[in-house]
Amino acid sequence: MSFHVDIVTPESVVWSGDATFLVARTVEGEIGILTDHEPLMAALATGVVVVEADDERITVGTHGGFLQVVDNQVTLLTDRAEMSEDRGQALEAAYRLRDELEEEVG
């Protein structure tokens, strides 16, 4: 059984598809999502989102935003996101995205 995931920034949809498991870093710690998860709204922290979908693992570095779970639909609305090859690269990307945003804001 699976659930649908959308990872979205103000500029684009970074990834969209069905997943069997998702891990994200919130301001209160890491959270794992499986099918039929309770409804949830959480603030995202700078970190890595890992999505397991069929035979692939998607890793995305994110900075800020929110995660919402409702009726087997998970939406991550994040300020910035970047797909990466692995967790280490995704974490580096997340902190680089944070630093770039801080420079832009001043």
PDB file of N, CA and C in Angstrom:
ATOM      1  N   MET A   1       0.848  -1.180   0.000  1.00  0.00           N
ATOM      2  CA  MET A   1       0.000   0.000   0.000  1.00  0.00           C
ATOM      3  C   MET A   1       0.889   1.237   0.000  1.00  0.00           C
ATOM      4  N   SER A   2       0.425   2.300  -0.639  1.00  0.00           N
ATOM      5  CA  SER A   2       1.246   3.505  -0.767  1.00  0.00           C
ATOM      6  C   SER A   2       0.416   4.759  -0.490  1.00  0.00           C
ATOM      7  N   PHE A   3       1.114   5.876  -0.480  1.00  0.00           N
ATOM      8  CA  PHE A   3       0.485   7.180  -0.336  1.00  0.00           C
ATOM      9  C   PHE A   3       1.141   8.114  -1.336  1.00  0.00           C
ATOM     10  N   HIS A   4       0.495   9.236  -1.620  1.00  0.00           N
ATOM     11  CA  HIS A   4       1.029  10.174  -2.609  1.00  0.00           C
ATOM     12  C   HIS A   4       1.845  11.269  -1.921  1.00  0.00           C
ATOM     13  N   VAL A   5       2.957  11.645  -2.552  1.00  0.00           N
ATOM     14  CA  VAL A   5       3.846  12.681  -2.020  1.00  0.00           C
ATOM     15  C   VAL A   5       4.056  13.754  -3.077  1.00  0.00           C
ATOM     16  N   ASP A   6       3.952  15.015  -2.644  1.00  0.00           N
ATOM     17  CA  ASP A   6       4.329  16.165  -3.469  1.00  0.00           C
ATOM     18  C   ASP A   6       5.337  16.980  -2.677  1.00  0.00           C
ATOM     19  N   ILE A   7       6.516  17.211  -3.265  1.00  0.00           N
ATOM     20  CA  ILE A   7       7.520  18.095  -2.673  1.00  0.00           C
ATOM     21  C   ILE A   7       7.576  19.324  -3.559  1.00  0.00           C
ATOM     22  N   VAL A   8       7.168  20.472  -2.993  1.00  0.00           N
ATOM     23  CA  VAL A   8       6.926  21.671  -3.789  1.00  0.00           C
ATOM     24  C   VAL A   8       7.663  22.868  -3.205  1.00  0.00           C
ATOM     25  N   THR A   9       8.266  23.674  -4.078  1.00  0.00           N
ATOM     26  CA  THR A   9       8.836  24.965  -3.694  1.00  0.00           C
ATOM     27  C   THR A   9       7.995  26.045  -4.372  1.00  0.00           C
ATOM     28  N   PRO A  10       8.207  27.309  -4.043  1.00  0.00           N
ATOM     29  CA  PRO A  10       7.468  28.365  -4.737  1.00  0.00           C
ATOM     30  C   PRO A  10       7.725  28.379  -6.246  1.00  0.00           C
ATOM     31  N   GLU A  11       8.868  27.834  -6.677  1.00  0.00           N
ATOM     32  CA  GLU A  11       9.223  27.854  -8.096  1.00  0.00           C
ATOM     33  C   GLU A  11       8.766  26.631  -8.879  1.00  0.00           C
ATOM     34  N   SER A  12       8.696  25.447  -8.209  1.00  0.00           N
ATOM     35  CA  SER A  12       8.415  24.238  -8.980  1.00  0.00           C
ATOM     36  C   SER A  12       8.019  23.061  -8.097  1.00  0.00           C
ATOM     37  N   VAL A  13       7.562  22.009  -8.767  1.00  0.00           N
ATOM     38  CA  VAL A  13       7.353  20.729  -8.100  1.00  0.00           C
ATOM     39  C   VAL A  13       8.682  19.989  -8.216  1.00  0.00           C
ATOM     40  N   VAL A  14       9.311  19.711  -7.080  1.00  0.00           N
ATOM     41  CA  VAL A  14      10.614  19.055  -7.069  1.00  0.00           C
ATOM     42  C   VAL A  14      10.457  17.557  -7.308  1.00  0.00           C
ATOM     43  N   TRP A  15       9.460  16.947  -6.682  1.00  0.00           N
ATOM     44  CA  TRP A  15       9.181  15.521  -6.887  1.00  0.00           C
ATOM     45  C   TRP A  15       7.722  15.264  -6.556  1.00  0.00           C
ATOM     46  N   SER A  16       7.116  14.371  -7.320  1.00  0.00           N
ATOM     47  CA  SER A  16       5.734  13.981  -7.080  1.00  0.00           C
ATOM     48  C   SER A  16       5.589  12.518  -7.465  1.00  0.00           C
ATOM     49  N   GLY A  17       4.975  11.735  -6.587  1.00  0.00           N
ATOM     50  CA  GLY A  17       4.773  10.331  -6.894  1.00  0.00           C
ATOM     51  C   GLY A  17       4.246   9.576  -5.694  1.00  0.00           C
ATOM     52  N   ASP A  18       4.097   8.266  -5.869  1.00  0.00           N
ATOM     53  CA  ASP A  18       3.621   7.413  -4.794  1.00  0.00           C
ATOM     54  C   ASP A  18       4.800   6.850  -4.018  1.00  0.00           C
ATOM     55  N   ALA A  19       4.622   6.719  -2.708  1.00  0.00           N
ATOM     56  CA  ALA A  19       5.690   6.260  -1.830  1.00  0.00           C
ATOM     57  C   ALA A  19       5.152   5.240  -0.839  1.00  0.00           C
ATOM     58  N   THR A  20       6.075   4.474  -0.269  1.00  0.00           N
ATOM     59  CA  THR A  20       5.717   3.528   0.777  1.00  0.00           C
ATOM     60  C   THR A  20       6.222   3.991   2.138  1.00  0.00           C
ATOM     61  N   PHE A  21       7.198   4.925   2.143  1.00  0.00           N
ATOM     62  CA  PHE A  21       7.768   5.427   3.389  1.00  0.00           C
ATOM     63  C   PHE A  21       8.416   6.778   3.117  1.00  0.00           C
ATOM     64  N   LEU A  22       8.320   7.673   4.099  1.00  0.00           N
ATOM     65  CA  LEU A  22       8.940   8.992   3.992  1.00  0.00           C
ATOM     66  C   LEU A  22       9.500   9.362   5.361  1.00  0.00           C
ATOM     67  N   VAL A  23      10.690   9.936   5.357  1.00  0.00           N
ATOM     68  CA  VAL A  23      11.300  10.459   6.578  1.00  0.00           C
ATOM     69  C   VAL A  23      11.642  11.917   6.312  1.00  0.00           C
ATOM     70  N   ALA A  24      11.254  12.794   7.245  1.00  0.00           N
ATOM     71  CA  ALA A  24      11.549  14.225   7.117  1.00  0.00           C
ATOM     72  C   ALA A  24      11.996  14.763   8.464  1.00  0.00           C
ATOM     73  N   ARG A  25      12.784  15.817   8.428  1.00  0.00           N
ATOM     74  CA  ARG A  25      13.241  16.467   9.653  1.00  0.00           C
ATOM     75  C   ARG A  25      12.333  17.666   9.927  1.00  0.00           C
ATOM     76  N   THR A  26      11.660  17.612  11.079  1.00  0.00           N
ATOM     77  CA  THR A  26      10.826  18.736  11.500  1.00  0.00           C
ATOM     78  C   THR A  26      11.552  19.493  12.600  1.00  0.00           C
ATOM     79  N   VAL A  27      11.009  20.612  13.016  1.00  0.00           N
ATOM     80  CA  VAL A  27      11.642  21.374  14.094  1.00  0.00           C
ATOM     81  C   VAL A  27      11.586  20.622  15.420  1.00  0.00           C
ATOM     82  N   GLU A  28      10.745  19.598  15.511  1.00  0.00           N
ATOM     83  CA  GLU A  28      10.640  18.789  16.726  1.00  0.00           C
ATOM     84  C   GLU A  28      11.382  17.461  16.609  1.00  0.00           C
ATOM     85  N   GLY A  29      12.055  17.219  15.480  1.00  0.00           N
ATOM     86  CA  GLY A  29      12.807  15.987  15.276  1.00  0.00           C
ATOM     87  C   GLY A  29      12.369  15.267  14.019  1.00  0.00           C
ATOM     88  N   GLU A  30      13.008  14.133  13.745  1.00  0.00           N
ATOM     89  CA  GLU A  30      12.658  13.367  12.553  1.00  0.00           C
ATOM     90  C   GLU A  30      11.320  12.669  12.728  1.00  0.00           C
ATOM     91  N   ILE A  31      10.608  12.570  11.595  1.00  0.00           N
ATOM     92  CA  ILE A  31       9.313  11.895  11.604  1.00  0.00           C
ATOM     93  C   ILE A  31       9.257  10.939  10.419  1.00  0.00           C
ATOM     94  N   GLY A  32       8.687   9.767  10.650  1.00  0.00           N
ATOM     95  CA  GLY A  32       8.480   8.795   9.596  1.00  0.00           C
ATOM     96  C   GLY A  32       7.006   8.711   9.258  1.00  0.00           C
ATOM     97  N   ILE A  33       6.720   8.604   7.981  1.00  0.00           N
ATOM     98  CA  ILE A  33       5.337   8.541   7.503  1.00  0.00           C
ATOM     99  C   ILE A  33       5.135   7.231   6.749  1.00  0.00           C
ATOM    100  N   LEU A  34       4.090   6.515   7.114  1.00  0.00           N
ATOM    101  CA  LEU A  34       3.654   5.315   6.409  1.00  0.00           C
ATOM    102  C   LEU A  34       2.207   5.512   5.947  1.00  0.00           C
ATOM    103  N   THR A  35       1.711   4.600   5.152  1.00  0.00           N
ATOM    104  CA  THR A  35       0.322   4.645   4.699  1.00  0.00           C
ATOM    105  C   THR A  35      -0.620   4.721   5.901  1.00  0.00           C
ATOM    106  N   ASP A  36      -1.699   5.472   5.736  1.00  0.00           N
ATOM    107  CA  ASP A  36      -2.740   5.658   6.755  1.00  0.00           C
ATOM    108  C   ASP A  36      -2.245   6.391   7.996  1.00  0.00           C
ATOM    109  N   HIS A  37      -1.241   7.246   7.831  1.00  0.00           N
ATOM    110  CA  HIS A  37      -0.745   8.063   8.953  1.00  0.00           C
ATOM    111  C   HIS A  37      -1.842   9.017   9.409  1.00  0.00           C
ATOM    112  N   GLU A  38      -1.862   9.309  10.687  1.00  0.00           N
ATOM    113  CA  GLU A  38      -2.798  10.299  11.256  1.00  0.00           C
ATOM    114  C   GLU A  38      -2.602  11.653  10.564  1.00  0.00           C
ATOM    115  N   PRO A  39      -3.644  12.457  10.447  1.00  0.00           N
ATOM    116  CA  PRO A  39      -3.476  13.813   9.914  1.00  0.00           C
ATOM    117  C   PRO A  39      -2.445  14.567  10.750  1.00  0.00           C
ATOM    118  N   LEU A  40      -1.625  15.361  10.061  1.00  0.00           N
ATOM    119  CA  LEU A  40      -0.503  16.027  10.727  1.00  0.00           C
ATOM    120  C   LEU A  40      -0.127  17.283   9.973  1.00  0.00           C
ATOM    121  N   MET A  41       0.279  18.312  10.713  1.00  0.00           N
ATOM    122  CA  MET A  41       0.889  19.506  10.136  1.00  0.00           C
ATOM    123  C   MET A  41       2.122  19.783  10.982  1.00  0.00           C
ATOM    124  N   ALA A  42       3.286  19.926  10.329  1.00  0.00           N
ATOM    125  CA  ALA A  42       4.529  20.140  11.064  1.00  0.00           C
ATOM    126  C   ALA A  42       5.410  21.125  10.313  1.00  0.00           C
ATOM    127  N   ALA A  43       6.186  21.897  11.061  1.00  0.00           N
ATOM    128  CA  ALA A  43       7.165  22.817  10.475  1.00  0.00           C
ATOM    129  C   ALA A  43       8.426  22.032  10.138  1.00  0.00           C
ATOM    130  N   LEU A  44       8.935  22.210   8.915  1.00  0.00           N
ATOM    131  CA  LEU A  44      10.154  21.528   8.493  1.00  0.00           C
ATOM    132  C   LEU A  44      11.383  22.287   8.960  1.00  0.00           C
ATOM    133  N   ALA A  45      12.404  21.541   9.331  1.00  0.00           N
ATOM    134  CA  ALA A  45      13.705  22.117   9.656  1.00  0.00           C
ATOM    135  C   ALA A  45      14.621  21.925   8.453  1.00  0.00           C
ATOM    136  N   THR A  46      15.744  22.607   8.439  1.00  0.00           N
ATOM    137  CA  THR A  46      16.745  22.376   7.412  1.00  0.00           C
ATOM    138  C   THR A  46      17.236  20.940   7.564  1.00  0.00           C
ATOM    139  N   GLY A  47      17.195  20.174   6.493  1.00  0.00           N
ATOM    140  CA  GLY A  47      17.614  18.783   6.599  1.00  0.00           C
ATOM    141  C   GLY A  47      17.314  17.997   5.346  1.00  0.00           C
ATOM    142  N   VAL A  48      17.168  16.693   5.532  1.00  0.00           N
ATOM    143  CA  VAL A  48      17.006  15.769   4.417  1.00  0.00           C
ATOM    144  C   VAL A  48      15.635  15.100   4.484  1.00  0.00           C
ATOM    145  N   VAL A  49      14.997  14.991   3.334  1.00  0.00           N
ATOM    146  CA  VAL A  49      13.768  14.215   3.188  1.00  0.00           C
ATOM    147  C   VAL A  49      14.137  12.982   2.374  1.00  0.00           C
ATOM    148  N   VAL A  50      13.775  11.816   2.880  1.00  0.00           N
ATOM    149  CA  VAL A  50      14.022  10.563   2.168  1.00  0.00           C
ATOM    150  C   VAL A  50      12.672   9.941   1.851  1.00  0.00           C
ATOM    151  N   VAL A  51      12.468   9.634   0.575  1.00  0.00           N
ATOM    152  CA  VAL A  51      11.223   9.021   0.126  1.00  0.00           C
ATOM    153  C   VAL A  51      11.559   7.665  -0.485  1.00  0.00           C
ATOM    154  N   GLU A  52      10.930   6.621   0.023  1.00  0.00           N
ATOM    155  CA  GLU A  52      11.084   5.298  -0.573  1.00  0.00           C
ATOM    156  C   GLU A  52       9.870   5.043  -1.441  1.00  0.00           C
ATOM    157  N   ALA A  53      10.130   4.829  -2.734  1.00  0.00           N
ATOM    158  CA  ALA A  53       9.064   4.655  -3.715  1.00  0.00           C
ATOM    159  C   ALA A  53       9.412   3.474  -4.603  1.00  0.00           C
ATOM    160  N   ASP A  54       8.606   2.425  -4.550  1.00  0.00           N
ATOM    161  CA  ASP A  54       8.852   1.198  -5.327  1.00  0.00           C
ATOM    162  C   ASP A  54      10.290   0.740  -5.125  1.00  0.00           C
ATOM    163  N   ASP A  55      11.082   0.752  -6.184  1.00  0.00           N
ATOM    164  CA  ASP A  55      12.464   0.274  -6.103  1.00  0.00           C
ATOM    165  C   ASP A  55      13.479   1.403  -6.060  1.00  0.00           C
ATOM    166  N   GLU A  56      13.047   2.603  -5.725  1.00  0.00           N
ATOM    167  CA  GLU A  56      13.997   3.715  -5.688  1.00  0.00           C
ATOM    168  C   GLU A  56      13.908   4.474  -4.380  1.00  0.00           C
ATOM    169  N   ARG A  57      14.990   5.150  -4.057  1.00  0.00           N
ATOM    170  CA  ARG A  57      15.054   5.994  -2.864  1.00  0.00           C
ATOM    171  C   ARG A  57      15.397   7.408  -3.340  1.00  0.00           C
ATOM    172  N   ILE A  58      14.524   8.348  -3.004  1.00  0.00           N
ATOM    173  CA  ILE A  58      14.705   9.742  -3.397  1.00  0.00           C
ATOM    174  C   ILE A  58      15.207  10.499  -2.175  1.00  0.00           C
ATOM    175  N   THR A  59      16.278  11.265  -2.347  1.00  0.00           N
ATOM    176  CA  THR A  59      16.785  12.098  -1.255  1.00  0.00           C
ATOM    177  C   THR A  59      16.761  13.548  -1.706  1.00  0.00           C
ATOM    178  N   VAL A  60      16.234  14.405  -0.837  1.00  0.00           N
ATOM    179  CA  VAL A  60      16.065  15.812  -1.160  1.00  0.00           C
ATOM    180  C   VAL A  60      16.535  16.641   0.031  1.00  0.00           C
ATOM    181  N   GLY A  61      17.428  17.591  -0.234  1.00  0.00           N
ATOM    182  CA  GLY A  61      17.809  18.548   0.789  1.00  0.00           C
ATOM    183  C   GLY A  61      16.775  19.658   0.809  1.00  0.00           C
ATOM    184  N   THR A  62      16.278  20.022   1.999  1.00  0.00           N
ATOM    185  CA  THR A  62      15.250  21.063   2.094  1.00  0.00           C
ATOM    186  C   THR A  62      15.628  22.100   3.144  1.00  0.00           C
ATOM    187  N   HIS A  63      15.090  23.286   2.960  1.00  0.00           N
ATOM    188  CA  HIS A  63      15.253  24.350   3.950  1.00  0.00           C
ATOM    189  C   HIS A  63      13.913  25.004   4.202  1.00  0.00           C
ATOM    190  N   GLY A  64      13.412  24.846   5.432  1.00  0.00           N
ATOM    191  CA  GLY A  64      12.184  25.505   5.848  1.00  0.00           C
ATOM    192  C   GLY A  64      10.934  24.941   5.211  1.00  0.00           C
ATOM    193  N   GLY A  65       9.800  25.423   5.683  1.00  0.00           N
ATOM    194  CA  GLY A  65       8.527  25.057   5.112  1.00  0.00           C
ATOM    195  C   GLY A  65       7.665  24.231   6.050  1.00  0.00           C
ATOM    196  N   PHE A  66       6.715  23.515   5.446  1.00  0.00           N
ATOM    197  CA  PHE A  66       5.744  22.738   6.211  1.00  0.00           C
ATOM    198  C   PHE A  66       5.507  21.384   5.576  1.00  0.00           C
ATOM    199  N   LEU A  67       5.108  20.426   6.398  1.00  0.00           N
ATOM    200  CA  LEU A  67       4.721  19.094   5.968  1.00  0.00           C
ATOM    201  C   LEU A  67       3.280  18.886   6.415  1.00  0.00           C
ATOM    202  N   GLN A  68       2.456  18.409   5.496  1.00  0.00           N
ATOM    203  CA  GLN A  68       1.061  18.132   5.827  1.00  0.00           C
ATOM    204  C   GLN A  68       0.727  16.710   5.394  1.00  0.00           C
ATOM    205  N   VAL A  69       0.041  15.984   6.270  1.00  0.00           N
ATOM    206  CA  VAL A  69      -0.433  14.635   5.960  1.00  0.00           C
ATOM    207  C   VAL A  69      -1.943  14.625   6.137  1.00  0.00           C
ATOM    208  N   VAL A  70      -2.668  14.274   5.061  1.00  0.00           N
ATOM    209  CA  VAL A  70      -4.130  14.158   5.106  1.00  0.00           C
ATOM    210  C   VAL A  70      -4.548  13.094   4.100  1.00  0.00           C
ATOM    211  N   ASP A  71      -5.280  12.093   4.576  1.00  0.00           N
ATOM    212  CA  ASP A  71      -5.862  11.067   3.697  1.00  0.00           C
ATOM    213  C   ASP A  71      -4.862  10.476   2.693  1.00  0.00           C
ATOM    214  N   ASN A  72      -3.748   9.978   3.192  1.00  0.00           N
ATOM    215  CA  ASN A  72      -2.711   9.361   2.354  1.00  0.00           C
ATOM    216  C   ASN A  72      -2.156  10.294   1.286  1.00  0.00           C
ATOM    217  N   GLN A  73      -2.159  11.572   1.579  1.00  0.00           N
ATOM    218  CA  GLN A  73      -1.533  12.593   0.732  1.00  0.00           C
ATOM    219  C   GLN A  73      -0.554  13.357   1.617  1.00  0.00           C
ATOM    220  N   VAL A  74       0.729  13.334   1.257  1.00  0.00           N
ATOM    221  CA  VAL A  74       1.754  14.071   1.991  1.00  0.00           C
ATOM    222  C   VAL A  74       2.238  15.207   1.104  1.00  0.00           C
ATOM    223  N   THR A  75       2.144  16.422   1.615  1.00  0.00           N
ATOM    224  CA  THR A  75       2.609  17.592   0.884  1.00  0.00           C
ATOM    225  C   THR A  75       3.705  18.260   1.695  1.00  0.00           C
ATOM    226  N   LEU A  76       4.861  18.454   1.068  1.00  0.00           N
ATOM    227  CA  LEU A  76       5.948  19.209   1.674  1.00  0.00           C
ATOM    228  C   LEU A  76       6.068  20.499   0.880  1.00  0.00           C
ATOM    229  N   LEU A  77       5.728  21.591   1.505  1.00  0.00           N
ATOM    230  CA  LEU A  77       5.867  22.910   0.898  1.00  0.00           C
ATOM    231  C   LEU A  77       7.087  23.529   1.547  1.00  0.00           C
ATOM    232  N   THR A  78       8.156  23.668   0.783  1.00  0.00           N
ATOM    233  CA  THR A  78       9.429  24.099   1.334  1.00  0.00           C
ATOM    234  C   THR A  78       9.957  25.324   0.603  1.00  0.00           C
ATOM    235  N   ASP A  79      10.693  26.156   1.334  1.00  0.00           N
ATOM    236  CA  ASP A  79      11.267  27.362   0.742  1.00  0.00           C
ATOM    237  C   ASP A  79      12.212  27.015  -0.403  1.00  0.00           C
ATOM    238  N   ARG A  80      13.070  26.031  -0.150  1.00  0.00           N
ATOM    239  CA  ARG A  80      14.057  25.603  -1.145  1.00  0.00           C
ATOM    240  C   ARG A  80      14.247  24.096  -1.034  1.00  0.00           C
ATOM    241  N   ALA A  81      14.523  23.445  -2.158  1.00  0.00           N
ATOM    242  CA  ALA A  81      14.770  22.004  -2.164  1.00  0.00           C
ATOM    243  C   ALA A  81      15.668  21.646  -3.330  1.00  0.00           C
ATOM    244  N   GLU A  82      16.461  20.595  -3.124  1.00  0.00           N
ATOM    245  CA  GLU A  82      17.358  20.122  -4.179  1.00  0.00           C
ATOM    246  C   GLU A  82      17.484  18.604  -4.088  1.00  0.00           C
ATOM    247  N   MET A  83      17.210  17.930  -5.208  1.00  0.00           N
ATOM    248  CA  MET A  83      17.377  16.475  -5.275  1.00  0.00           C
ATOM    249  C   MET A  83      18.871  16.163  -5.201  1.00  0.00           C
ATOM    250  N   SER A  84      19.202  15.043  -4.546  1.00  0.00           N
ATOM    251  CA  SER A  84      20.600  14.651  -4.393  1.00  0.00           C
ATOM    252  C   SER A  84      20.752  13.146  -4.593  1.00  0.00           C
ATOM    253  N   GLU A  85      22.000  12.731  -4.794  1.00  0.00           N
ATOM    254  CA  GLU A  85      22.298  11.316  -5.006  1.00  0.00           C
ATOM    255  C   GLU A  85      22.181  10.497  -3.729  1.00  0.00           C
ATOM    256  N   ASP A  86      22.550  11.100  -2.594  1.00  0.00           N
ATOM    257  CA  ASP A  86      22.516  10.355  -1.340  1.00  0.00           C
ATOM    258  C   ASP A  86      22.264  11.312  -0.177  1.00  0.00           C
ATOM    259  N   ARG A  87      22.145  10.744   1.015  1.00  0.00           N
ATOM    260  CA  ARG A  87      21.816  11.531   2.214  1.00  0.00           C
ATOM    261  C   ARG A  87      22.880  12.585   2.524  1.00  0.00           C
ATOM    262  N   GLY A  88      24.149  12.241   2.371  1.00  0.00           N
ATOM    263  CA  GLY A  88      25.230  13.186   2.644  1.00  0.00           C
ATOM    264  C   GLY A  88      25.171  14.396   1.726  1.00  0.00           C
ATOM    265  N   GLN A  89      24.998  14.164   0.443  1.00  0.00           N
ATOM    266  CA  GLN A  89      24.884  15.264  -0.520  1.00  0.00           C
ATOM    267  C   GLN A  89      23.634  16.080  -0.262  1.00  0.00           C
ATOM    268  N   ALA A  90      22.555  15.423   0.113  1.00  0.00           N
ATOM    269  CA  ALA A  90      21.302  16.138   0.395  1.00  0.00           C
ATOM    270  C   ALA A  90      21.470  17.053   1.597  1.00  0.00           C
ATOM    271  N   LEU A  91      22.177  16.588   2.617  1.00  0.00           N
ATOM    272  CA  LEU A  91      22.402  17.416   3.799  1.00  0.00           C
ATOM    273  C   LEU A  91      23.276  18.620   3.465  1.00  0.00           C
ATOM    274  N   GLU A  92      24.315  18.407   2.675  1.00  0.00           N
ATOM    275  CA  GLU A  92      25.151  19.523   2.218  1.00  0.00           C
ATOM    276  C   GLU A  92      24.309  20.529   1.431  1.00  0.00           C
ATOM    277  N   ALA A  93      23.449  20.033   0.553  1.00  0.00           N
ATOM    278  CA  ALA A  93      22.585  20.905  -0.245  1.00  0.00           C
ATOM    279  C   ALA A  93      21.651  21.702   0.646  1.00  0.00           C
ATOM    280  N   ALA A  94      21.093  21.067   1.678  1.00  0.00           N
ATOM    281  CA  ALA A  94      20.155  21.748   2.573  1.00  0.00           C
ATOM    282  C   ALA A  94      20.828  22.942   3.253  1.00  0.00           C
ATOM    283  N   TYR A  95      22.026  22.741   3.765  1.00  0.00           N
ATOM    284  CA  TYR A  95      22.724  23.843   4.441  1.00  0.00           C
ATOM    285  C   TYR A  95      23.179  24.915   3.453  1.00  0.00           C
ATOM    286  N   ARG A  96      23.555  24.516   2.239  1.00  0.00           N
ATOM    287  CA  ARG A  96      23.908  25.506   1.212  1.00  0.00           C
ATOM    288  C   ARG A  96      22.673  26.330   0.839  1.00  0.00           C
ATOM    289  N   LEU A  97      21.517  25.666   0.691  1.00  0.00           N
ATOM    290  CA  LEU A  97      20.280  26.385   0.378  1.00  0.00           C
ATOM    291  C   LEU A  97      19.935  27.380   1.477  1.00  0.00           C
ATOM    292  N   ARG A  98      20.114  26.977   2.730  1.00  0.00           N
ATOM    293  CA  ARG A  98      19.861  27.861   3.871  1.00  0.00           C
ATOM    294  C   ARG A  98      20.778  29.079   3.804  1.00  0.00           C
ATOM    295  N   ASP A  99      22.067  28.844   3.571  1.00  0.00           N
ATOM    296  CA  ASP A  99      23.034  29.950   3.504  1.00  0.00           C
ATOM    297  C   ASP A  99      22.726  30.903   2.352  1.00  0.00           C
ATOM    298  N   GLU A 100      22.344  30.343   1.193  1.00  0.00           N
ATOM    299  CA  GLU A 100      22.000  31.183   0.039  1.00  0.00           C
ATOM    300  C   GLU A 100      20.793  32.056   0.334  1.00  0.00           C
ATOM    301  N   LEU A 101      19.783  31.488   0.986  1.00  0.00           N
ATOM    302  CA  LEU A 101      18.587  32.257   1.326  1.00  0.00           C
ATOM    303  C   LEU A 101      18.919  33.363   2.319  1.00  0.00           C
ATOM    304  N   GLU A 102      19.749  33.051   3.304  1.00  0.00           N
ATOM    305  CA  GLU A 102      20.156  34.072   4.278  1.00  0.00           C
ATOM    306  C   GLU A 102      20.903  35.216   3.612  1.00  0.00           C
ATOM    307  N   GLU A 103      21.754  34.893   2.611  1.00  0.00           N
ATOM    308  CA  GLU A 103      22.485  35.938   1.880  1.00  0.00           C
ATOM    309  C   GLU A 103      21.524  36.810   1.080  1.00  0.00           C
ATOM    310  N   GLU A 104      20.509  36.194   0.459  1.00  0.00           N
ATOM    311  CA  GLU A 104      19.540  36.936  -0.335  1.00  0.00           C
ATOM    312  C   GLU A 104      18.722  37.887   0.532  1.00  0.00           C
ATOM    313  N   VAL A 105      18.351  37.416   1.721  1.00  0.00           N
ATOM    314  CA  VAL A 105      17.532  38.220   2.617  1.00  0.00           C
ATOM    315  C   VAL A 105      18.355  39.330   3.246  1.00  0.00           C
ATOM    316  N   GLY A 106      19.624  39.023   3.459  1.00  0.00           N
ATOM    317  CA  GLY A 106      20.544  40.031   3.976  1.00  0.00           C
ATOM    318  C   GLY A 106      20.684  39.985   5.419  1.00  0.00           C
TER     319      GLY A 106
END
